[in-house]
C-alpha atoms as a PDB file:
ATOM      1  CA  MET A   1      22.923-117.815  60.334  1.00  0.00           C
ATOM      2  CA  TRP A   2      23.839-119.861  57.276  1.00  0.00           C
ATOM      3  CA  ASN A   3      20.477-118.940  55.752  1.00  0.00           C
ATOM      4  CA  ARG A   4      21.233-115.235  56.069  1.00  0.00           C
ATOM      5  CA  PRO A   5      23.666-114.308  53.288  1.00  0.00           C
ATOM      6  CA  GLN A   6      23.757-110.639  54.287  1.00  0.00           C
ATOM      7  CA  LEU A   7      25.063-111.491  57.748  1.00  0.00           C
ATOM      8  CA  LEU A   8      27.587-113.879  56.251  1.00  0.00           C
ATOM      9  CA  ASN A   9      28.889-111.166  53.932  1.00  0.00           C
ATOM     10  CA  TRP A  10      29.184-108.707  56.794  1.00  0.00           C
ATOM     11  CA  THR A  11      31.071-111.222  58.935  1.00  0.00           C
ATOM     12  CA  ALA A  12      33.421-112.082  56.094  1.00  0.00           C
ATOM     13  CA  ASN A  13      34.144-108.415  55.379  1.00  0.00           C
ATOM     14  CA  PHE A  14      34.784-107.752  59.062  1.00  0.00           C
ATOM     15  CA  LEU A  15      37.198-110.653  59.403  1.00  0.00           C
ATOM     16  CA  PHE A  16      39.009-109.632  56.244  1.00  0.00           C
ATOM     17  CA  SER A  17      39.350-106.038  57.419  1.00  0.00           C
ATOM     18  CA  LEU A  18      40.561-107.188  60.823  1.00  0.00           C
ATOM     19  CA  SER A  19      43.183-109.429  59.270  1.00  0.00           C
ATOM     20  CA  VAL A  20      44.416-106.564  57.073  1.00  0.00           C
ATOM     21  CA  VAL A  21      44.707-104.264  60.094  1.00  0.00           C
ATOM     22  CA  LEU A  22      46.605-106.892  62.063  1.00  0.00           C
ATOM     23  CA  MET A  23      48.954-107.524  59.155  1.00  0.00           C
ATOM     24  CA  LEU A  24      49.631-103.810  58.739  1.00  0.00           C
ATOM     25  CA  TYR A  25      50.236-103.435  62.469  1.00  0.00           C
ATOM     26  CA  ALA A  26      52.630-106.380  62.451  1.00  0.00           C
ATOM     27  CA  LEU A  27      54.446-104.975  59.432  1.00  0.00           C
ATOM     28  CA  LEU A  28      54.695-101.541  61.044  1.00  0.00           C
ATOM     29  CA  PHE A  29      55.940-103.073  64.286  1.00  0.00           C
ATOM     30  CA  VAL A  30      58.678-104.948  62.447  1.00  0.00           C
ATOM     31  CA  VAL A  31      59.704-101.910  60.405  1.00  0.00           C
ATOM     32  CA  VAL A  32      59.795 -99.609  63.419  1.00  0.00           C
ATOM     33  CA  HIS A  33      62.001-102.014  65.341  1.00  0.00           C
ATOM     34  CA  LEU A  34      64.447-102.509  62.511  1.00  0.00           C
ATOM     35  CA  PRO A  35      67.941-101.095  63.124  1.00  0.00           C
ATOM     36  CA  ILE A  36      67.433 -98.635  60.290  1.00  0.00           C
ATOM     37  CA  PHE A  37      66.051 -95.982  62.728  1.00  0.00           C
ATOM     38  CA  PRO A  38      68.722 -95.811  65.427  1.00  0.00           C
ATOM     39  CA  LEU A  39      68.991 -92.872  67.799  1.00  0.00           C
ATOM     40  CA  ARG A  40      72.347 -91.425  66.822  1.00  0.00           C
ATOM     41  CA  GLU A  41      72.530 -88.152  68.716  1.00  0.00           C
ATOM     42  CA  VAL A  42      71.323 -86.702  72.027  1.00  0.00           C
ATOM     43  CA  ASN A  43      71.489 -82.913  72.293  1.00  0.00           C
ATOM     44  CA  VAL A  44      71.291 -81.482  75.820  1.00  0.00           C
ATOM     45  CA  ASN A  45      70.610 -77.759  76.106  1.00  0.00           C
ATOM     46  CA  GLY A  46      70.238 -75.328  78.985  1.00  0.00           C
ATOM     47  CA  GLU A  47      72.343 -73.090  81.206  1.00  0.00           C
ATOM     48  CA  LEU A  48      74.155 -75.918  82.945  1.00  0.00           C
ATOM     49  CA  SER A  49      76.545 -75.264  85.805  1.00  0.00           C
ATOM     50  CA  HIS A  50      76.222 -78.505  87.759  1.00  0.00           C
ATOM     51  CA  VAL A  51      74.959 -81.159  85.329  1.00  0.00           C
ATOM     52  CA  ASN A  52      78.040 -82.526  83.582  1.00  0.00           C
ATOM     53  CA  ARG A  53      78.819 -84.655  80.545  1.00  0.00           C
ATOM     54  CA  GLU A  54      79.565 -87.795  82.573  1.00  0.00           C
ATOM     55  CA  GLN A  55      76.120 -87.723  84.203  1.00  0.00           C
ATOM     56  CA  ILE A  56      74.443 -87.319  80.821  1.00  0.00           C
ATOM     57  CA  LYS A  57      76.431 -90.176  79.298  1.00  0.00           C
ATOM     58  CA  LEU A  58      75.424 -92.430  82.177  1.00  0.00           C
ATOM     59  CA  ILE A  59      71.728 -91.687  81.654  1.00  0.00           C
ATOM     60  CA  VAL A  60      71.992 -92.248  77.902  1.00  0.00           C
ATOM     61  CA  ALA A  61      73.688 -95.604  78.428  1.00  0.00           C
ATOM     62  CA  ARG A  62      71.326 -96.855  81.127  1.00  0.00           C
ATOM     63  CA  HIS A  63      67.931 -95.398  80.337  1.00  0.00           C
ATOM     64  CA  LEU A  64      67.614 -94.466  76.656  1.00  0.00           C
ATOM     65  CA  ASN A  65      66.546 -97.829  75.277  1.00  0.00           C
ATOM     66  CA  GLY A  66      65.048 -98.220  71.807  1.00  0.00           C
ATOM     67  CA  ASN A  67      65.331 -96.443  68.503  1.00  0.00           C
ATOM     68  CA  PHE A  68      63.918 -93.164  67.231  1.00  0.00           C
ATOM     69  CA  PHE A  69      60.330 -94.443  67.302  1.00  0.00           C
ATOM     70  CA  THR A  70      60.298 -96.817  70.245  1.00  0.00           C
ATOM     71  CA  LEU A  71      62.069 -94.672  72.831  1.00  0.00           C
ATOM     72  CA  ASP A  72      59.760 -93.893  75.763  1.00  0.00           C
ATOM     73  CA  LEU A  73      59.965 -90.096  76.130  1.00  0.00           C
ATOM     74  CA  ILE A  74      58.313 -90.063  79.552  1.00  0.00           C
ATOM     75  CA  LYS A  75      60.820 -92.529  80.970  1.00  0.00           C
ATOM     76  CA  ALA A  76      63.646 -90.590  79.354  1.00  0.00           C
ATOM     77  CA  ARG A  77      62.436 -87.347  80.935  1.00  0.00           C
ATOM     78  CA  ASP A  78      62.066 -89.010  84.337  1.00  0.00           C
ATOM     79  CA  ALA A  79      65.625 -90.310  84.102  1.00  0.00           C
ATOM     80  CA  PHE A  80      67.033 -86.831  83.472  1.00  0.00           C
ATOM     81  CA  GLU A  81      64.879 -85.307  86.224  1.00  0.00           C
ATOM     82  CA  LYS A  82      66.543 -87.624  88.741  1.00  0.00           C
ATOM     83  CA  LEU A  83      69.730 -85.605  88.363  1.00  0.00           C
ATOM     84  CA  PRO A  84      70.216 -83.725  91.667  1.00  0.00           C
ATOM     85  CA  TRP A  85      70.428 -80.282  90.051  1.00  0.00           C
ATOM     86  CA  ALA A  86      67.719 -80.792  87.405  1.00  0.00           C
ATOM     87  CA  ARG A  87      64.527 -78.862  88.202  1.00  0.00           C
ATOM     88  CA  LYS A  88      62.590 -79.280  84.943  1.00  0.00           C
ATOM     89  CA  VAL A  89      63.316 -81.382  81.865  1.00  0.00           C
ATOM     90  CA  SER A  90      61.686 -81.531  78.444  1.00  0.00           C
ATOM     91  CA  VAL A  91      62.452 -84.266  75.896  1.00  0.00           C
ATOM     92  CA  ARG A  92      61.401 -84.487  72.233  1.00  0.00           C
ATOM     93  CA  ARG A  93      62.368 -86.271  69.052  1.00  0.00           C
ATOM     94  CA  ARG A  94      64.027 -84.481  66.153  1.00  0.00           C
ATOM     95  CA  TRP A  95      63.819 -86.255  62.802  1.00  0.00           C
ATOM     96  CA  PRO A  96      65.525 -88.341  61.626  1.00  0.00           C
ATOM     97  CA  ASP A  97      67.784 -89.585  64.442  1.00  0.00           C
ATOM     98  CA  LYS A  98      68.108 -87.003  67.218  1.00  0.00           C
ATOM     99  CA  LEU A  99      66.773 -86.543  70.726  1.00  0.00           C
ATOM    100  CA  GLU A 100      66.612 -83.024  72.159  1.00  0.00           C
ATOM    101  CA  VAL A 101      66.758 -82.559  75.920  1.00  0.00           C
ATOM    102  CA  VAL A 102      66.336 -79.192  77.642  1.00  0.00           C
ATOM    103  CA  ILE A 103      67.324 -79.048  81.312  1.00  0.00           C
ATOM    104  CA  GLU A 104      66.496 -76.235  83.709  1.00  0.00           C
ATOM    105  CA  GLU A 105      68.807 -76.369  86.700  1.00  0.00           C
ATOM    106  CA  HIS A 106      67.993 -75.429  90.262  1.00  0.00           C
ATOM    107  CA  GLU A 107      69.431 -72.070  91.277  1.00  0.00           C
ATOM    108  CA  ALA A 108      70.466 -72.446  94.901  1.00  0.00           C
ATOM    109  CA  LEU A 109      69.252 -69.624  97.141  1.00  0.00           C
ATOM    110  CA  GLY A 110      70.157 -71.073 100.532  1.00  0.00           C
ATOM    111  CA  ARG A 111      70.313 -74.125 102.754  1.00  0.00           C
ATOM    112  CA  TRP A 112      67.322 -75.486 104.650  1.00  0.00           C
ATOM    113  CA  GLY A 113      69.137 -76.319 107.869  1.00  0.00           C
ATOM    114  CA  ASP A 114      71.474 -79.186 107.090  1.00  0.00           C
ATOM    115  CA  ILE A 115      68.981 -81.384 105.241  1.00  0.00           C
ATOM    116  CA  ALA A 116      68.443 -79.755 101.826  1.00  0.00           C
ATOM    117  CA  LEU A 117      68.981 -76.781  99.559  1.00  0.00           C
ATOM    118  CA  VAL A 118      66.383 -74.153  98.650  1.00  0.00           C
ATOM    119  CA  ASN A 119      66.113 -72.811  95.102  1.00  0.00           C
ATOM    120  CA  ASN A 120      65.007 -69.352  94.031  1.00  0.00           C
ATOM    121  CA  HIS A 121      61.444 -70.638  93.607  1.00  0.00           C
ATOM    122  CA  GLY A 122      61.218 -71.582  97.262  1.00  0.00           C
ATOM    123  CA  GLU A 123      61.481 -75.315  96.549  1.00  0.00           C
ATOM    124  CA  LEU A 124      63.564 -77.863  98.434  1.00  0.00           C
ATOM    125  CA  PHE A 125      65.989 -80.090  96.550  1.00  0.00           C
ATOM    126  CA  HIS A 126      68.768 -82.436  97.564  1.00  0.00           C
ATOM    127  CA  ALA A 127      72.175 -81.844  96.033  1.00  0.00           C
ATOM    128  CA  ALA A 128      75.769 -81.287  97.119  1.00  0.00           C
ATOM    129  CA  SER A 129      77.111 -77.735  97.125  1.00  0.00           C
ATOM    130  CA  ASP A 130      80.221 -76.123  98.586  1.00  0.00           C
ATOM    131  CA  SER A 131      78.963 -72.587  97.933  1.00  0.00           C
ATOM    132  CA  ASP A 132      78.746 -70.097 100.781  1.00  0.00           C
ATOM    133  CA  LEU A 133      74.957 -69.981 101.072  1.00  0.00           C
ATOM    134  CA  PRO A 134      72.715 -68.468 103.748  1.00  0.00           C
ATOM    135  CA  VAL A 135      71.022 -70.885 106.122  1.00  0.00           C
ATOM    136  CA  PHE A 136      67.237 -70.965 106.543  1.00  0.00           C
ATOM    137  CA  PHE A 137      65.202 -72.372 109.417  1.00  0.00           C
ATOM    138  CA  GLY A 138      61.462 -72.683 109.763  1.00  0.00           C
ATOM    139  CA  PRO A 139      58.428 -74.963 109.822  1.00  0.00           C
ATOM    140  CA  ALA A 140      57.969 -77.485 107.032  1.00  0.00           C
ATOM    141  CA  ASP A 141      55.258 -75.405 105.360  1.00  0.00           C
ATOM    142  CA  GLY A 142      57.310 -72.207 105.460  1.00  0.00           C
ATOM    143  CA  VAL A 143      59.987 -72.859 102.833  1.00  0.00           C
ATOM    144  CA  LEU A 144      58.544 -70.509 100.214  1.00  0.00           C
ATOM    145  CA  GLU A 145      57.757 -67.852 102.823  1.00  0.00           C
ATOM    146  CA  VAL A 146      61.305 -67.937 104.200  1.00  0.00           C
ATOM    147  CA  ALA A 147      62.838 -67.789 100.710  1.00  0.00           C
ATOM    148  CA  GLN A 148      60.735 -64.766  99.755  1.00  0.00           C
ATOM    149  CA  SER A 149      61.476 -62.994 103.030  1.00  0.00           C
ATOM    150  CA  TYR A 150      65.201 -63.639 102.615  1.00  0.00           C
ATOM    151  CA  SER A 151      65.129 -61.854  99.264  1.00  0.00           C
ATOM    152  CA  ASN A 152      63.235 -58.904 100.745  1.00  0.00           C
ATOM    153  CA  TYR A 153      65.377 -58.612 103.872  1.00  0.00           C
ATOM    154  CA  SER A 154      68.587 -58.894 101.841  1.00  0.00           C
ATOM    155  CA  LYS A 155      67.598 -55.942  99.653  1.00  0.00           C
ATOM    156  CA  VAL A 156      66.769 -53.796 102.677  1.00  0.00           C
ATOM    157  CA  LEU A 157      69.880 -54.660 104.707  1.00  0.00           C
ATOM    158  CA  ASN A 158      72.155 -54.323 101.690  1.00  0.00           C
ATOM    159  CA  VAL A 159      71.596 -50.567 101.935  1.00  0.00           C
ATOM    160  CA  ALA A 160      73.427 -50.690 105.278  1.00  0.00           C
ATOM    161  CA  GLN A 161      76.099 -52.967 103.776  1.00  0.00           C
ATOM    162  CA  LEU A 162      74.849 -55.900 105.830  1.00  0.00           C
ATOM    163  CA  LYS A 163      74.758 -59.332 104.222  1.00  0.00           C
ATOM    164  CA  VAL A 164      72.140 -61.805 105.437  1.00  0.00           C
ATOM    165  CA  THR A 165      73.668 -65.142 106.429  1.00  0.00           C
ATOM    166  CA  GLN A 166      70.728 -66.682 108.277  1.00  0.00           C
ATOM    167  CA  VAL A 167      66.939 -66.340 108.345  1.00  0.00           C
ATOM    168  CA  ALA A 168      64.792 -68.095 110.940  1.00  0.00           C
ATOM    169  CA  LEU A 169      61.003 -68.311 111.148  1.00  0.00           C
ATOM    170  CA  SER A 170      59.664 -69.637 114.448  1.00  0.00           C
ATOM    171  CA  PRO A 171      56.499 -71.749 114.801  1.00  0.00           C
ATOM    172  CA  ARG A 172      54.815 -68.558 116.088  1.00  0.00           C
ATOM    173  CA  ARG A 173      55.769 -66.816 112.809  1.00  0.00           C
ATOM    174  CA  ALA A 174      58.374 -64.560 114.420  1.00  0.00           C
ATOM    175  CA  TRP A 175      61.393 -63.579 112.347  1.00  0.00           C
ATOM    176  CA  GLU A 176      65.109 -63.410 113.161  1.00  0.00           C
ATOM    177  CA  VAL A 177      67.897 -62.461 110.771  1.00  0.00           C
ATOM    178  CA  LYS A 178      71.639 -62.836 111.224  1.00  0.00           C
ATOM    179  CA  THR A 179      74.209 -60.861 109.233  1.00  0.00           C
ATOM    180  CA  ASP A 180      77.803 -61.386 108.181  1.00  0.00           C
ATOM    181  CA  LYS A 181      78.923 -59.028 110.965  1.00  0.00           C
ATOM    182  CA  GLY A 182      77.584 -61.413 113.594  1.00  0.00           C
ATOM    183  CA  LEU A 183      74.559 -59.226 114.312  1.00  0.00           C
ATOM    184  CA  LEU A 184      71.359 -61.084 115.205  1.00  0.00           C
ATOM    185  CA  ILE A 185      68.252 -58.996 114.458  1.00  0.00           C
ATOM    186  CA  ASN A 186      64.968 -59.877 116.143  1.00  0.00           C
ATOM    187  CA  ILE A 187      62.251 -58.500 113.854  1.00  0.00           C
ATOM    188  CA  GLY A 188      59.238 -60.065 115.550  1.00  0.00           C
ATOM    189  CA  ARG A 189      55.869 -61.014 114.091  1.00  0.00           C
ATOM    190  CA  GLU A 190      54.374 -57.653 113.131  1.00  0.00           C
ATOM    191  CA  HIS A 191      55.322 -54.751 110.834  1.00  0.00           C
ATOM    192  CA  MET A 192      58.481 -56.560 109.746  1.00  0.00           C
ATOM    193  CA  ASP A 193      59.246 -54.432 106.692  1.00  0.00           C
ATOM    194  CA  GLU A 194      58.547 -51.178 108.531  1.00  0.00           C
ATOM    195  CA  ARG A 195      60.741 -52.153 111.478  1.00  0.00           C
ATOM    196  CA  LEU A 196      63.627 -53.215 109.277  1.00  0.00           C
ATOM    197  CA  GLN A 197      63.420 -50.036 107.200  1.00  0.00           C
ATOM    198  CA  LYS A 198      63.604 -47.913 110.364  1.00  0.00           C
ATOM    199  CA  PHE A 199      66.540 -49.945 111.617  1.00  0.00           C
ATOM    200  CA  VAL A 200      68.469 -49.517 108.372  1.00  0.00           C
ATOM    201  CA  GLY A 201      67.629 -45.806 108.281  1.00  0.00           C
ATOM    202  CA  ALA A 202      69.243 -45.315 111.682  1.00  0.00           C
ATOM    203  CA  TYR A 203      72.055 -47.835 111.346  1.00  0.00           C
ATOM    204  CA  ALA A 204      74.625 -45.596 109.667  1.00  0.00           C
ATOM    205  CA  SER A 205      74.291 -42.839 112.296  1.00  0.00           C
ATOM    206  CA  THR A 206      74.187 -45.138 115.327  1.00  0.00           C
ATOM    207  CA  LEU A 207      75.333 -48.747 115.340  1.00  0.00           C
ATOM    208  CA  ALA A 208      77.795 -48.417 112.468  1.00  0.00           C
ATOM    209  CA  ARG A 209      79.682 -45.759 114.466  1.00  0.00           C
ATOM    210  CA  LEU A 210      79.969 -47.701 117.704  1.00  0.00           C
ATOM    211  CA  ASN A 211      83.536 -48.491 118.708  1.00  0.00           C
ATOM    212  CA  GLY A 212      82.863 -52.186 119.035  1.00  0.00           C
ATOM    213  CA  ARG A 213      80.683 -54.956 117.784  1.00  0.00           C
ATOM    214  CA  VAL A 214      76.929 -55.179 118.371  1.00  0.00           C
ATOM    215  CA  ILE A 215      75.736 -58.774 118.602  1.00  0.00           C
ATOM    216  CA  TYR A 216      71.978 -58.332 118.976  1.00  0.00           C
ATOM    217  CA  ALA A 217      69.280 -55.860 117.935  1.00  0.00           C
ATOM    218  CA  ASP A 218      65.661 -56.112 119.060  1.00  0.00           C
ATOM    219  CA  LEU A 219      63.302 -54.196 116.770  1.00  0.00           C
ATOM    220  CA  ARG A 220      60.112 -54.982 118.694  1.00  0.00           C
ATOM    221  CA  TYR A 221      59.735 -51.500 120.159  1.00  0.00           C
ATOM    222  CA  PRO A 222      57.274 -48.870 118.881  1.00  0.00           C
ATOM    223  CA  ASN A 223      59.774 -45.978 118.940  1.00  0.00           C
ATOM    224  CA  GLY A 224      63.138 -47.572 118.357  1.00  0.00           C
ATOM    225  CA  PHE A 225      65.170 -50.677 119.047  1.00  0.00           C
ATOM    226  CA  ALA A 226      67.385 -52.192 121.720  1.00  0.00           C
ATOM    227  CA  VAL A 227      70.912 -53.460 121.188  1.00  0.00           C
ATOM    228  CA  ARG A 228      73.278 -55.753 123.028  1.00  0.00           C
ATOM    229  CA  ARG A 229      77.047 -55.797 122.903  1.00  0.00           C
ATOM    230  CA  PRO A 230      79.542 -58.398 124.131  1.00  0.00           C
ATOM    231  CA  LEU A 231      79.894 -58.488 127.924  1.00  0.00           C
ATOM    232  CA  GLY A 232      83.363 -56.965 127.865  1.00  0.00           C
ATOM    233  CA  GLN A 233      82.015 -53.839 126.165  1.00  0.00           C
ATOM    234  CA  VAL A 234      79.021 -53.123 128.422  1.00  0.00           C
ATOM    235  CA  VAL A 235      80.635 -50.190 130.237  1.00  0.00           C
ATOM    236  CA  LYS A 236      81.847 -48.583 127.040  1.00  0.00           C
ATOM    237  CA  ASN A 237      78.422 -49.063 125.535  1.00  0.00           C
ATOM    238  CA  SER A 238      76.718 -46.687 128.002  1.00  0.00           C
ATOM    239  CA  VAL A 239      79.192 -43.928 127.149  1.00  0.00           C
ATOM    240  CA  VAL A 240      78.603 -44.334 123.424  1.00  0.00           C
ATOM    241  CA  VAL A 241      74.835 -44.220 123.851  1.00  0.00           C
ATOM    242  CA  LYS A 242      75.104 -40.867 125.668  1.00  0.00           C
ATOM    243  CA  ALA A 243      77.225 -39.524 122.841  1.00  0.00           C
ATOM    244  CA  VAL A 244      74.625 -40.572 120.310  1.00  0.00           C
ATOM    245  CA  VAL A 245      71.818 -38.929 122.286  1.00  0.00           C
ATOM    246  CA  LYS A 246      73.836 -35.734 122.667  1.00  0.00           C
ATOM    247  CA  ALA A 247      74.463 -35.618 118.961  1.00  0.00           C
ATOM    248  CA  LYS A 248      70.740 -35.938 118.351  1.00  0.00           C
ATOM    249  CA  GLU A 249      70.051 -32.961 120.624  1.00  0.00           C
ATOM    250  CA  SER A 250      72.334 -30.724 118.562  1.00  0.00           C
ATOM    251  CA  VAL A 251      70.215 -31.049 115.421  1.00  0.00           C
ATOM    252  CA  PRO A 252      69.175 -27.657 113.945  1.00  0.00           C
ATOM    253  CA  ALA A 253      65.771 -26.304 114.936  1.00  0.00           C
ATOM    254  CA  THR A 254      64.401 -26.747 111.413  1.00  0.00           C
ATOM    255  CA  ALA A 255      65.096 -30.426 111.575  1.00  0.00           C
ATOM    256  CA  LYS A 256      63.470 -30.766 115.014  1.00  0.00           C
ATOM    257  CA  LYS A 257      60.102 -29.832 113.553  1.00  0.00           C
ATOM    258  CA  GLN A 258      60.102 -32.939 111.382  1.00  0.00           C
ATOM    259  CA  PRO A 259      58.514 -36.204 112.593  1.00  0.00           C
ATOM    260  CA  ALA A 260      60.734 -37.911 115.136  1.00  0.00           C
ATOM    261  CA  LYS A 261      62.971 -40.594 113.636  1.00  0.00           C
ATOM    262  CA  THR A 262      65.328 -40.963 116.582  1.00  0.00           C
ATOM    263  CA  VAL A 263      66.485 -44.459 117.401  1.00  0.00           C
ATOM    264  CA  VAL A 264      65.999 -45.306 121.048  1.00  0.00           C
ATOM    265  CA  LEU A 265      68.764 -47.550 122.339  1.00  0.00           C
ATOM    266  CA  LYS A 266      67.239 -49.399 125.302  1.00  0.00           C
ATOM    267  CA  SER A 267      68.722 -51.872 127.744  1.00  0.00           C
ATOM    268  CA  HIS A 268      65.398 -53.335 128.993  1.00  0.00           C
ATOM    269  CA  GLU A 269      62.279 -54.829 127.383  1.00  0.00           C
ATOM    270  CA  GLN A 270      59.557 -52.492 128.606  1.00  0.00           C
ATOM    271  CA  GLY A 271      57.066 -51.632 125.875  1.00  0.00           C
ATOM    272  CA  LYS A 272      58.197 -54.422 123.585  1.00  0.00           C
ATOM    273  CA  GLN A 273      55.720 -55.559 120.922  1.00  0.00           C
ATOM    274  CA  PRO A 274      55.349 -58.986 119.243  1.00  0.00           C
END
């Protein structure tokens, strides 16, 4: 080796270059960690209804360690995302001494039983809320499906001035909906949208006019639906049903030629579909 001057020169140049790089790195490390680059301001943006100033101050004090250059942005983002109502968070530096944080909050759509909340993206999250929210039930893999169906069913039933307070999806994928009037609607597993549309189309001329409350409607019939009233109103119910049928028979002849849209109020389950 000592008899090979070219190799000696190459080794010397390499060691010199390495020492320069290490010195520059050490100098940069010292400069970056000097107190001349403190993080002076944290700006938090977003449409915030639940994330408050005290929560943000606590995160800044506990988790934002370092100056403008040394702050770990990933750890900072993770700290903000631990807020119960934070769905998505982005964090970036803004020269010379600012940190910008953008928080997207969860928008609560309903409650998943009594264990969690459901946002409008069909995602579960855990947070406290005293809002009057509908309650959802279903299998663990059905959160998104239930959330989407709630939105659809709410739009349809809103036409009949019925507010959905509960949506349940059974393990067999059968649907039940409960409204603010105490009406439980059994939609079944097939033709859900079609059945609900027919029900709403007939609601104003039938159930809404009953002199008493209907507690249950079964839509699993090909030509109509069955209803149930409280036990104390059973006798009155039969009289009302006859009145509804009689009113249907007095429709003008021109209307009778149209496809039948009559709601059949049944008291038994013969002909019921899934």
